[in-house]
Amino acid sequence: MSETDAFDEGRYLYCAVRLDGDAEFSATGVDDEPVRLVAVDDIGVVVHDCESLYDTADMDVVRTWVLQHQRVVDEAGEAFDTPLPFQFDTVVTGSDESVREWVREERETVGDYLDAVAGHWEYRIELRRDEQALVEDLEASDDRLGELDTEIADAGSGTAFMLEKQYDQRLRELKRERRNERAGALHERLESVVRNVSELGERTTLDDEDAGDDGMETQARFTVLAPADREDDLGDLLDEVAAESGVEVRFTGPWPPYSFAPAIGGEDGAETG
């Protein structure tokens, strides 16, 4: 931990929630710190007292802290409806009054967000296809692949090598086109039952621990914001997609809307590690 990570007094922020009258909240947070609520009129901020940012080179410790952070946000969502989740290691330096001042400065953004996502949750979706079945489908449906396959069988070793490179390039192009087609089709279907659809980043799977060579190729990866009462409709839609032979759909949630949270704060506001 560097000297700049420490301060006399601070408040670690987990999330903001909309309050309906007087409310209390307690939980066990990052590094087993006791968590409580700081109220500013009808907005509450879930915090714990701290004297530094959370900084370590031990990634196992970081993962534990992140999971503890997420657990508190989940519990706040169960207690108060959809929260505005803050990034791990977001800290306001100072006392509870510093948190209240920060919320007053950001009240419009925080309040508008909480109103907009009330009753909505994030769901993450990954569409996967059996790679061998996909290749066989493309080989059977594309004339150029068939032509190249015949030419390779009749060619000498040197020519065959060049033709095989053309074959592999054509196959990669077709795979990319098929992924784009499937992603576009799924995106359009998702829009019929959710409020927002966003593509996920370049992760192999929704869960890094499940990543590996299992013969499945990712075709599309989305995160969506949906009202809680449409979860069954979303599940039914994805069941229909997964009913196709060789297709697998991974569907996780509901989560607090981490992917849809706005950027809040600035140089004089909350800081992150």
C-alpha atoms as a PDB file:
ATOM      1  CA  MET A   1       0.000   0.000   0.000  1.00  0.00           C
ATOM      2  CA  SER A   2       1.427   3.377  -0.959  1.00  0.00           C
ATOM      3  CA  GLU A   3       1.349   6.437   1.285  1.00  0.00           C
ATOM      4  CA  THR A   4      -1.114   8.169  -1.067  1.00  0.00           C
ATOM      5  CA  ASP A   5      -3.625   5.360  -0.475  1.00  0.00           C
ATOM      6  CA  ALA A   6      -4.067   6.381   3.184  1.00  0.00           C
ATOM      7  CA  PHE A   7      -6.087   9.247   4.682  1.00  0.00           C
ATOM      8  CA  ASP A   8      -7.363  10.251   8.100  1.00  0.00           C
ATOM      9  CA  GLU A   9     -11.009   9.340   7.509  1.00  0.00           C
ATOM     10  CA  GLY A  10     -13.088   8.062   4.622  1.00  0.00           C
ATOM     11  CA  ARG A  11     -16.204   6.203   3.575  1.00  0.00           C
ATOM     12  CA  TYR A  12     -16.079   3.220   1.245  1.00  0.00           C
ATOM     13  CA  LEU A  13     -19.124   3.287  -1.076  1.00  0.00           C
ATOM     14  CA  TYR A  14     -21.039   0.214  -2.241  1.00  0.00           C
ATOM     15  CA  CYS A  15     -24.167   1.612  -3.855  1.00  0.00           C
ATOM     16  CA  ALA A  16     -26.958   4.162  -3.660  1.00  0.00           C
ATOM     17  CA  VAL A  17     -30.597   3.193  -3.118  1.00  0.00           C
ATOM     18  CA  ARG A  18     -33.954   4.937  -3.120  1.00  0.00           C
ATOM     19  CA  LEU A  19     -35.481   5.204   0.362  1.00  0.00           C
ATOM     20  CA  ASP A  20     -39.159   5.145   1.228  1.00  0.00           C
ATOM     21  CA  GLY A  21     -39.319   6.717   4.670  1.00  0.00           C
ATOM     22  CA  ASP A  22     -36.937   5.820   7.488  1.00  0.00           C
ATOM     23  CA  ALA A  23     -34.745   2.842   6.708  1.00  0.00           C
ATOM     24  CA  GLU A  24     -31.891   0.895   8.219  1.00  0.00           C
ATOM     25  CA  PHE A  25     -29.429  -1.492   6.640  1.00  0.00           C
ATOM     26  CA  SER A  26     -26.515  -3.539   7.935  1.00  0.00           C
ATOM     27  CA  ALA A  27     -24.245  -6.130   6.367  1.00  0.00           C
ATOM     28  CA  THR A  28     -20.710  -7.465   6.458  1.00  0.00           C
ATOM     29  CA  GLY A  29     -18.630  -5.865   3.745  1.00  0.00           C
ATOM     30  CA  VAL A  30     -15.153  -5.788   2.234  1.00  0.00           C
ATOM     31  CA  ASP A  31     -12.549  -7.260   4.576  1.00  0.00           C
ATOM     32  CA  ASP A  32     -15.433  -8.053   6.974  1.00  0.00           C
ATOM     33  CA  GLU A  33     -16.076  -4.384   7.741  1.00  0.00           C
ATOM     34  CA  PRO A  34     -19.513  -3.511   9.215  1.00  0.00           C
ATOM     35  CA  VAL A  35     -21.703  -1.816   6.621  1.00  0.00           C
ATOM     36  CA  ARG A  36     -24.384   0.822   7.254  1.00  0.00           C
ATOM     37  CA  LEU A  37     -26.565   3.387   5.517  1.00  0.00           C
ATOM     38  CA  VAL A  38     -25.983   7.146   5.170  1.00  0.00           C
ATOM     39  CA  ALA A  39     -29.262   8.859   4.269  1.00  0.00           C
ATOM     40  CA  VAL A  40     -29.699  12.071   2.287  1.00  0.00           C
ATOM     41  CA  ASP A  41     -33.452  12.725   2.181  1.00  0.00           C
ATOM     42  CA  ASP A  42     -34.846   9.889  -0.008  1.00  0.00           C
ATOM     43  CA  ILE A  43     -31.449   8.626  -1.208  1.00  0.00           C
ATOM     44  CA  GLY A  44     -29.344   6.261   0.867  1.00  0.00           C
ATOM     45  CA  VAL A  45     -25.688   5.387   0.356  1.00  0.00           C
ATOM     46  CA  VAL A  46     -24.367   2.059   1.650  1.00  0.00           C
ATOM     47  CA  VAL A  47     -20.922   2.596   3.208  1.00  0.00           C
ATOM     48  CA  HIS A  48     -18.330   1.441   5.680  1.00  0.00           C
ATOM     49  CA  ASP A  49     -15.722   3.534   7.480  1.00  0.00           C
ATOM     50  CA  CYS A  50     -12.180   3.292   6.097  1.00  0.00           C
ATOM     51  CA  GLU A  51      -8.762   4.925   6.326  1.00  0.00           C
ATOM     52  CA  SER A  52      -7.292   3.808   2.992  1.00  0.00           C
ATOM     53  CA  LEU A  53      -8.044   2.430  -0.431  1.00  0.00           C
ATOM     54  CA  TYR A  54      -7.881  -1.334  -0.865  1.00  0.00           C
ATOM     55  CA  ASP A  55      -4.561  -2.117  -2.523  1.00  0.00           C
ATOM     56  CA  THR A  56      -2.751  -5.459  -2.685  1.00  0.00           C
ATOM     57  CA  ALA A  57      -0.759  -7.483  -5.195  1.00  0.00           C
ATOM     58  CA  ASP A  58      -2.458 -10.695  -4.016  1.00  0.00           C
ATOM     59  CA  MET A  59      -5.133 -11.385  -6.636  1.00  0.00           C
ATOM     60  CA  ASP A  60      -6.847 -13.966  -4.443  1.00  0.00           C
ATOM     61  CA  VAL A  61      -7.401 -11.263  -1.831  1.00  0.00           C
ATOM     62  CA  VAL A  62      -8.665  -8.852  -4.502  1.00  0.00           C
ATOM     63  CA  ARG A  63     -11.159 -11.454  -5.763  1.00  0.00           C
ATOM     64  CA  THR A  64     -12.394 -11.995  -2.201  1.00  0.00           C
ATOM     65  CA  TRP A  65     -12.848  -8.243  -1.716  1.00  0.00           C
ATOM     66  CA  VAL A  66     -14.727  -7.900  -5.021  1.00  0.00           C
ATOM     67  CA  LEU A  67     -17.063 -10.760  -4.119  1.00  0.00           C
ATOM     68  CA  GLN A  68     -17.690  -9.204  -0.694  1.00  0.00           C
ATOM     69  CA  HIS A  69     -18.447  -5.886  -2.395  1.00  0.00           C
ATOM     70  CA  GLN A  70     -20.884  -7.521  -4.803  1.00  0.00           C
ATOM     71  CA  ARG A  71     -22.601  -9.421  -2.002  1.00  0.00           C
ATOM     72  CA  VAL A  72     -23.359  -6.183  -0.153  1.00  0.00           C
ATOM     73  CA  VAL A  73     -24.791  -4.607  -3.325  1.00  0.00           C
ATOM     74  CA  ASP A  74     -26.942  -7.713  -3.838  1.00  0.00           C
ATOM     75  CA  GLU A  75     -28.242  -7.521  -0.271  1.00  0.00           C
ATOM     76  CA  ALA A  76     -29.006  -3.816  -0.676  1.00  0.00           C
ATOM     77  CA  GLY A  77     -30.953  -4.619  -3.845  1.00  0.00           C
ATOM     78  CA  GLU A  78     -33.019  -7.190  -1.957  1.00  0.00           C
ATOM     79  CA  ALA A  79     -33.754  -4.652   0.786  1.00  0.00           C
ATOM     80  CA  PHE A  80     -34.444  -1.520  -1.273  1.00  0.00           C
ATOM     81  CA  ASP A  81     -35.100  -2.464  -4.932  1.00  0.00           C
ATOM     82  CA  THR A  82     -32.649  -1.807  -7.754  1.00  0.00           C
ATOM     83  CA  PRO A  83     -29.471  -0.072  -6.501  1.00  0.00           C
ATOM     84  CA  LEU A  84     -26.984   2.169  -8.249  1.00  0.00           C
ATOM     85  CA  PRO A  85     -23.822   0.059  -7.831  1.00  0.00           C
ATOM     86  CA  PHE A  86     -20.471   1.765  -7.405  1.00  0.00           C
ATOM     87  CA  GLN A  87     -17.181   0.436  -8.690  1.00  0.00           C
ATOM     88  CA  PHE A  88     -15.090  -1.615  -6.272  1.00  0.00           C
ATOM     89  CA  ASP A  89     -12.834   0.557  -4.102  1.00  0.00           C
ATOM     90  CA  THR A  90     -14.800   3.784  -4.551  1.00  0.00           C
ATOM     91  CA  VAL A  91     -14.117   6.037  -1.563  1.00  0.00           C
ATOM     92  CA  VAL A  92     -15.200   9.490  -0.415  1.00  0.00           C
ATOM     93  CA  THR A  93     -12.597  10.972   1.898  1.00  0.00           C
ATOM     94  CA  GLY A  94     -14.028  12.550   5.029  1.00  0.00           C
ATOM     95  CA  SER A  95     -16.967  11.860   7.328  1.00  0.00           C
ATOM     96  CA  ASP A  96     -20.627  10.965   6.726  1.00  0.00           C
ATOM     97  CA  GLU A  97     -21.221  14.634   6.013  1.00  0.00           C
ATOM     98  CA  SER A  98     -18.729  14.404   3.146  1.00  0.00           C
ATOM     99  CA  VAL A  99     -20.853  11.606   1.689  1.00  0.00           C
ATOM    100  CA  ARG A 100     -23.984  13.743   2.064  1.00  0.00           C
ATOM    101  CA  GLU A 101     -22.276  16.686   0.350  1.00  0.00           C
ATOM    102  CA  TRP A 102     -21.159  14.414  -2.495  1.00  0.00           C
ATOM    103  CA  VAL A 103     -24.673  13.040  -2.936  1.00  0.00           C
ATOM    104  CA  ARG A 104     -26.150  16.561  -2.998  1.00  0.00           C
ATOM    105  CA  GLU A 105     -23.689  17.456  -5.774  1.00  0.00           C
ATOM    106  CA  GLU A 106     -24.606  14.329  -7.745  1.00  0.00           C
ATOM    107  CA  ARG A 107     -28.259  14.245  -6.743  1.00  0.00           C
ATOM    108  CA  GLU A 108     -29.676  14.809 -10.217  1.00  0.00           C
ATOM    109  CA  THR A 109     -27.641  12.016 -11.788  1.00  0.00           C
ATOM    110  CA  VAL A 110     -28.165   9.583  -8.911  1.00  0.00           C
ATOM    111  CA  GLY A 111     -31.884  10.309  -8.577  1.00  0.00           C
ATOM    112  CA  ASP A 112     -32.568  10.095 -12.303  1.00  0.00           C
ATOM    113  CA  TYR A 113     -30.724   6.788 -12.519  1.00  0.00           C
ATOM    114  CA  LEU A 114     -32.538   5.250  -9.563  1.00  0.00           C
ATOM    115  CA  ASP A 115     -35.877   6.288 -11.042  1.00  0.00           C
ATOM    116  CA  ALA A 116     -34.947   4.950 -14.473  1.00  0.00           C
ATOM    117  CA  VAL A 117     -33.866   1.476 -13.316  1.00  0.00           C
ATOM    118  CA  ALA A 118     -36.395   0.935 -10.528  1.00  0.00           C
ATOM    119  CA  GLY A 119     -37.643  -2.644 -10.818  1.00  0.00           C
ATOM    120  CA  HIS A 120     -35.075  -3.506 -13.516  1.00  0.00           C
ATOM    121  CA  TRP A 121     -32.139  -5.913 -13.288  1.00  0.00           C
ATOM    122  CA  GLU A 122     -29.174  -6.952 -15.382  1.00  0.00           C
ATOM    123  CA  TYR A 123     -29.009 -10.360 -17.076  1.00  0.00           C
ATOM    124  CA  ARG A 124     -26.016 -11.731 -18.976  1.00  0.00           C
ATOM    125  CA  ILE A 125     -26.376 -13.968 -21.982  1.00  0.00           C
ATOM    126  CA  GLU A 126     -23.932 -16.004 -24.044  1.00  0.00           C
ATOM    127  CA  LEU A 127     -24.930 -17.917 -27.181  1.00  0.00           C
ATOM    128  CA  ARG A 128     -22.615 -20.805 -28.059  1.00  0.00           C
ATOM    129  CA  ARG A 129     -22.602 -23.310 -30.918  1.00  0.00           C
ATOM    130  CA  ASP A 130     -20.895 -26.690 -31.235  1.00  0.00           C
ATOM    131  CA  GLU A 131     -17.841 -25.808 -33.342  1.00  0.00           C
ATOM    132  CA  GLN A 132     -17.677 -29.076 -35.288  1.00  0.00           C
ATOM    133  CA  ALA A 133     -21.391 -28.917 -36.123  1.00  0.00           C
ATOM    134  CA  LEU A 134     -20.929 -25.300 -37.232  1.00  0.00           C
ATOM    135  CA  VAL A 135     -18.025 -26.227 -39.526  1.00  0.00           C
ATOM    136  CA  GLU A 136     -19.982 -29.112 -41.036  1.00  0.00           C
ATOM    137  CA  ASP A 137     -22.937 -26.815 -41.659  1.00  0.00           C
ATOM    138  CA  LEU A 138     -20.747 -24.221 -43.366  1.00  0.00           C
ATOM    139  CA  GLU A 139     -18.960 -26.834 -45.458  1.00  0.00           C
ATOM    140  CA  ALA A 140     -22.245 -28.283 -46.622  1.00  0.00           C
ATOM    141  CA  SER A 141     -23.794 -24.909 -47.501  1.00  0.00           C
ATOM    142  CA  ASP A 142     -20.899 -23.001 -49.113  1.00  0.00           C
ATOM    143  CA  ASP A 143     -20.028 -23.825 -52.740  1.00  0.00           C
ATOM    144  CA  ARG A 144     -16.574 -22.233 -52.559  1.00  0.00           C
ATOM    145  CA  LEU A 145     -15.509 -24.478 -49.688  1.00  0.00           C
ATOM    146  CA  GLY A 146     -16.631 -27.471 -51.705  1.00  0.00           C
ATOM    147  CA  GLU A 147     -14.625 -26.314 -54.732  1.00  0.00           C
ATOM    148  CA  LEU A 148     -11.513 -25.771 -52.625  1.00  0.00           C
ATOM    149  CA  ASP A 149     -11.898 -29.171 -51.000  1.00  0.00           C
ATOM    150  CA  THR A 150     -11.975 -30.841 -54.435  1.00  0.00           C
ATOM    151  CA  GLU A 151      -8.984 -28.816 -55.666  1.00  0.00           C
ATOM    152  CA  ILE A 152      -6.969 -29.739 -52.564  1.00  0.00           C
ATOM    153  CA  ALA A 153      -7.620 -33.455 -53.136  1.00  0.00           C
ATOM    154  CA  ASP A 154      -6.344 -33.220 -56.736  1.00  0.00           C
ATOM    155  CA  ALA A 155      -3.353 -30.893 -56.122  1.00  0.00           C
ATOM    156  CA  GLY A 156       0.302 -31.564 -55.430  1.00  0.00           C
ATOM    157  CA  SER A 157       1.707 -30.889 -51.977  1.00  0.00           C
ATOM    158  CA  GLY A 158       2.884 -27.328 -52.676  1.00  0.00           C
ATOM    159  CA  THR A 159      -0.343 -26.247 -54.360  1.00  0.00           C
ATOM    160  CA  ALA A 160      -2.420 -28.097 -51.764  1.00  0.00           C
ATOM    161  CA  PHE A 161      -0.733 -26.095 -48.991  1.00  0.00           C
ATOM    162  CA  MET A 162      -1.740 -22.784 -50.612  1.00  0.00           C
ATOM    163  CA  LEU A 163      -5.269 -24.043 -51.273  1.00  0.00           C
ATOM    164  CA  GLU A 164      -5.613 -25.157 -47.661  1.00  0.00           C
ATOM    165  CA  LYS A 165      -4.712 -21.626 -46.527  1.00  0.00           C
ATOM    166  CA  GLN A 166      -7.438 -20.279 -48.834  1.00  0.00           C
ATOM    167  CA  TYR A 167      -9.834 -22.850 -47.385  1.00  0.00           C
ATOM    168  CA  ASP A 168      -9.022 -21.835 -43.798  1.00  0.00           C
ATOM    169  CA  GLN A 169      -9.407 -18.136 -44.659  1.00  0.00           C
ATOM    170  CA  ARG A 170     -12.773 -18.752 -46.324  1.00  0.00           C
ATOM    171  CA  LEU A 171     -13.912 -20.773 -43.314  1.00  0.00           C
ATOM    172  CA  ARG A 172     -12.902 -17.990 -40.920  1.00  0.00           C
ATOM    173  CA  GLU A 173     -14.821 -15.445 -43.013  1.00  0.00           C
ATOM    174  CA  LEU A 174     -17.928 -17.635 -42.994  1.00  0.00           C
ATOM    175  CA  LYS A 175     -17.667 -18.148 -39.232  1.00  0.00           C
ATOM    176  CA  ARG A 176     -17.441 -14.389 -38.717  1.00  0.00           C
ATOM    177  CA  GLU A 177     -20.455 -13.812 -40.967  1.00  0.00           C
ATOM    178  CA  ARG A 178     -22.455 -16.470 -39.130  1.00  0.00           C
ATOM    179  CA  ARG A 179     -21.540 -14.964 -35.744  1.00  0.00           C
ATOM    180  CA  ASN A 180     -22.666 -11.525 -36.939  1.00  0.00           C
ATOM    181  CA  GLU A 181     -25.918 -12.967 -38.285  1.00  0.00           C
ATOM    182  CA  ARG A 182     -26.682 -14.823 -35.065  1.00  0.00           C
ATOM    183  CA  ALA A 183     -25.713 -11.869 -32.887  1.00  0.00           C
ATOM    184  CA  GLY A 184     -27.933  -9.563 -34.915  1.00  0.00           C
ATOM    185  CA  ALA A 185     -30.873 -11.964 -34.832  1.00  0.00           C
ATOM    186  CA  LEU A 186     -30.576 -12.528 -31.076  1.00  0.00           C
ATOM    187  CA  HIS A 187     -30.171  -8.785 -30.445  1.00  0.00           C
ATOM    188  CA  GLU A 188     -33.413  -8.112 -32.325  1.00  0.00           C
ATOM    189  CA  ARG A 189     -35.298 -10.807 -30.418  1.00  0.00           C
ATOM    190  CA  LEU A 190     -33.992  -9.587 -27.063  1.00  0.00           C
ATOM    191  CA  GLU A 191     -35.213  -6.062 -27.779  1.00  0.00           C
ATOM    192  CA  SER A 192     -38.775  -7.385 -27.798  1.00  0.00           C
ATOM    193  CA  VAL A 193     -38.645  -8.319 -24.088  1.00  0.00           C
ATOM    194  CA  VAL A 194     -35.941  -6.139 -22.475  1.00  0.00           C
ATOM    195  CA  ARG A 195     -35.302  -2.431 -22.143  1.00  0.00           C
ATOM    196  CA  ASN A 196     -31.621  -2.200 -23.059  1.00  0.00           C
ATOM    197  CA  VAL A 197     -29.266  -4.569 -24.863  1.00  0.00           C
ATOM    198  CA  SER A 198     -25.495  -4.137 -24.818  1.00  0.00           C
ATOM    199  CA  GLU A 199     -22.683  -6.314 -26.174  1.00  0.00           C
ATOM    200  CA  LEU A 200     -20.337  -7.727 -23.563  1.00  0.00           C
ATOM    201  CA  GLY A 201     -16.581  -7.303 -23.774  1.00  0.00           C
ATOM    202  CA  GLU A 202     -14.055  -9.706 -25.212  1.00  0.00           C
ATOM    203  CA  ARG A 203     -14.317 -12.371 -22.550  1.00  0.00           C
ATOM    204  CA  THR A 204     -14.337 -16.025 -23.575  1.00  0.00           C
ATOM    205  CA  THR A 205     -17.330 -16.899 -21.409  1.00  0.00           C
ATOM    206  CA  LEU A 206     -19.573 -15.320 -18.805  1.00  0.00           C
ATOM    207  CA  ASP A 207     -17.554 -17.100 -16.127  1.00  0.00           C
ATOM    208  CA  ASP A 208     -13.765 -17.232 -16.517  1.00  0.00           C
ATOM    209  CA  GLU A 209     -13.648 -20.416 -14.463  1.00  0.00           C
ATOM    210  CA  ASP A 210     -15.716 -22.174 -17.132  1.00  0.00           C
ATOM    211  CA  ALA A 211     -13.421 -21.091 -19.948  1.00  0.00           C
ATOM    212  CA  GLY A 212     -11.665 -23.865 -21.844  1.00  0.00           C
ATOM    213  CA  ASP A 213     -11.573 -25.955 -24.987  1.00  0.00           C
ATOM    214  CA  ASP A 214     -14.961 -27.660 -24.731  1.00  0.00           C
ATOM    215  CA  GLY A 215     -15.708 -27.731 -28.443  1.00  0.00           C
ATOM    216  CA  MET A 216     -18.128 -24.805 -28.237  1.00  0.00           C
ATOM    217  CA  GLU A 217     -17.666 -21.493 -30.060  1.00  0.00           C
ATOM    218  CA  THR A 218     -19.177 -18.255 -28.784  1.00  0.00           C
ATOM    219  CA  GLN A 219     -21.544 -16.728 -31.329  1.00  0.00           C
ATOM    220  CA  ALA A 220     -22.928 -13.790 -29.350  1.00  0.00           C
ATOM    221  CA  ARG A 221     -22.512 -12.234 -25.912  1.00  0.00           C
ATOM    222  CA  PHE A 222     -24.904  -9.687 -24.421  1.00  0.00           C
ATOM    223  CA  THR A 223     -25.905  -8.034 -21.205  1.00  0.00           C
ATOM    224  CA  VAL A 224     -29.469  -6.749 -20.938  1.00  0.00           C
ATOM    225  CA  LEU A 225     -31.511  -4.558 -18.607  1.00  0.00           C
ATOM    226  CA  ALA A 226     -34.961  -6.001 -18.088  1.00  0.00           C
ATOM    227  CA  PRO A 227     -37.905  -5.449 -15.738  1.00  0.00           C
ATOM    228  CA  ALA A 228     -38.174  -8.151 -13.104  1.00  0.00           C
ATOM    229  CA  ASP A 229     -41.618  -9.170 -14.355  1.00  0.00           C
ATOM    230  CA  ARG A 230     -40.185 -10.042 -17.797  1.00  0.00           C
ATOM    231  CA  GLU A 231     -37.607 -12.547 -16.514  1.00  0.00           C
ATOM    232  CA  ASP A 232     -39.821 -15.509 -17.414  1.00  0.00           C
ATOM    233  CA  ASP A 233     -40.404 -14.091 -20.898  1.00  0.00           C
ATOM    234  CA  LEU A 234     -36.666 -13.667 -21.339  1.00  0.00           C
ATOM    235  CA  GLY A 235     -36.056 -17.215 -20.160  1.00  0.00           C
ATOM    236  CA  ASP A 236     -38.696 -18.599 -22.545  1.00  0.00           C
ATOM    237  CA  LEU A 237     -37.102 -16.752 -25.473  1.00  0.00           C
ATOM    238  CA  LEU A 238     -33.670 -18.143 -24.653  1.00  0.00           C
ATOM    239  CA  ASP A 239     -35.106 -21.654 -24.224  1.00  0.00           C
ATOM    240  CA  GLU A 240     -36.380 -21.415 -27.793  1.00  0.00           C
ATOM    241  CA  VAL A 241     -32.923 -20.372 -29.012  1.00  0.00           C
ATOM    242  CA  ALA A 242     -31.241 -23.188 -27.070  1.00  0.00           C
ATOM    243  CA  ALA A 243     -33.645 -25.783 -28.513  1.00  0.00           C
ATOM    244  CA  GLU A 244     -31.694 -25.759 -31.792  1.00  0.00           C
ATOM    245  CA  SER A 245     -29.371 -28.741 -32.142  1.00  0.00           C
ATOM    246  CA  GLY A 246     -25.785 -27.983 -31.171  1.00  0.00           C
ATOM    247  CA  VAL A 247     -26.697 -24.655 -29.530  1.00  0.00           C
ATOM    248  CA  GLU A 248     -26.105 -23.736 -25.881  1.00  0.00           C
ATOM    249  CA  VAL A 249     -27.278 -20.579 -24.088  1.00  0.00           C
ATOM    250  CA  ARG A 250     -25.780 -19.376 -20.822  1.00  0.00           C
ATOM    251  CA  PHE A 251     -28.081 -17.066 -18.885  1.00  0.00           C
ATOM    252  CA  THR A 252     -27.183 -15.529 -15.529  1.00  0.00           C
ATOM    253  CA  GLY A 253     -28.916 -13.013 -13.294  1.00  0.00           C
ATOM    254  CA  PRO A 254     -30.613 -11.078 -11.963  1.00  0.00           C
ATOM    255  CA  TRP A 255     -27.692  -8.794 -11.114  1.00  0.00           C
ATOM    256  CA  PRO A 256     -27.607  -5.170 -10.009  1.00  0.00           C
ATOM    257  CA  PRO A 257     -27.178  -3.152 -13.222  1.00  0.00           C
ATOM    258  CA  TYR A 258     -23.386  -2.812 -13.117  1.00  0.00           C
ATOM    259  CA  SER A 259     -23.086  -2.557 -16.916  1.00  0.00           C
ATOM    260  CA  PHE A 260     -25.657   0.225 -17.131  1.00  0.00           C
ATOM    261  CA  ALA A 261     -24.503   2.409 -14.225  1.00  0.00           C
ATOM    262  CA  PRO A 262     -23.520   5.991 -15.141  1.00  0.00           C
ATOM    263  CA  ALA A 263     -20.136   7.526 -14.463  1.00  0.00           C
ATOM    264  CA  ILE A 264     -20.451   9.587 -11.285  1.00  0.00           C
ATOM    265  CA  GLY A 265     -17.995  11.866  -9.534  1.00  0.00           C
ATOM    266  CA  GLY A 266     -14.916  13.756 -10.610  1.00  0.00           C
ATOM    267  CA  GLU A 267     -11.646  15.107  -9.393  1.00  0.00           C
ATOM    268  CA  ASP A 268     -13.289  16.531  -6.290  1.00  0.00           C
ATOM    269  CA  GLY A 269     -15.715  13.680  -5.747  1.00  0.00           C
ATOM    270  CA  ALA A 270     -15.322   9.991  -5.060  1.00  0.00           C
ATOM    271  CA  GLU A 271     -12.027   8.330  -5.858  1.00  0.00           C
ATOM    272  CA  THR A 272     -11.284   4.729  -6.805  1.00  0.00           C
ATOM    273  CA  GLY A 273      -8.333   2.470  -6.273  1.00  0.00           C
END
